[in-house]
Amino acid sequence: MRRAVIERGAKLIVINPRRIDMCDFAELWLRPRPGTDVALLNAMAKVVLDEGLSDGDFVRDRTEGFEEWRQVGDKYSLETAEKITGVPAGDIAQAARIYARPPFSGSCLIWGMGMTQHTNGNANYLTNPALDPTSRIPEYKVCAVRIEKIEATAETEPDTKPASRVR
């Protein structure tokens, strides 16, 4: 990743409440409150969709339940997400735009164990590919084929309810 940033001009977004070494190479470092990742990702997805940065043909041809999922995501305005996550609305919008319009090739999501180690971890894993329906990485295209709403569980806070599930 460092080489892609330094040599090719890739844009790196780090989403982590704690500072890590990769922050030195990041275009943007978002520090959401722990457990608010789903709200952050939903707000980013809303920006991508509202600004027409997604591939409508791909969504129409390769997804099911998209409109239902979008209705859940529509509840996560930038202002709402800022209140939930503590991340400034402008930074959320900037991250969504960087992610949706990479300087070359496609966007890529990389995470360590921390992503799956909290209450909404699995929902985050399943929601992430939905942010980029135009991803040029085959496994993400396959993941984005079916999107459906998941119900909140007793452990899930209402503000951070998982918005979608990708199979």
Foldseek 3Di string as FASTA:
>chain_A
DQCCCVPVVWAAEAEDLDDDPCVVSHPYYWRWDPPQLLLLLLQLLLLCVVVVLADPVLCVVFEPPPVVLNVLSVVRHLVLSCVRTVGHSVRSNVVSVCQSDIPDAHHDDDDDPVQLPDDCSQLCVFCVLVSYCPHPPVVSVQQRRYKDADAADPVRDPSRGRRIGTD
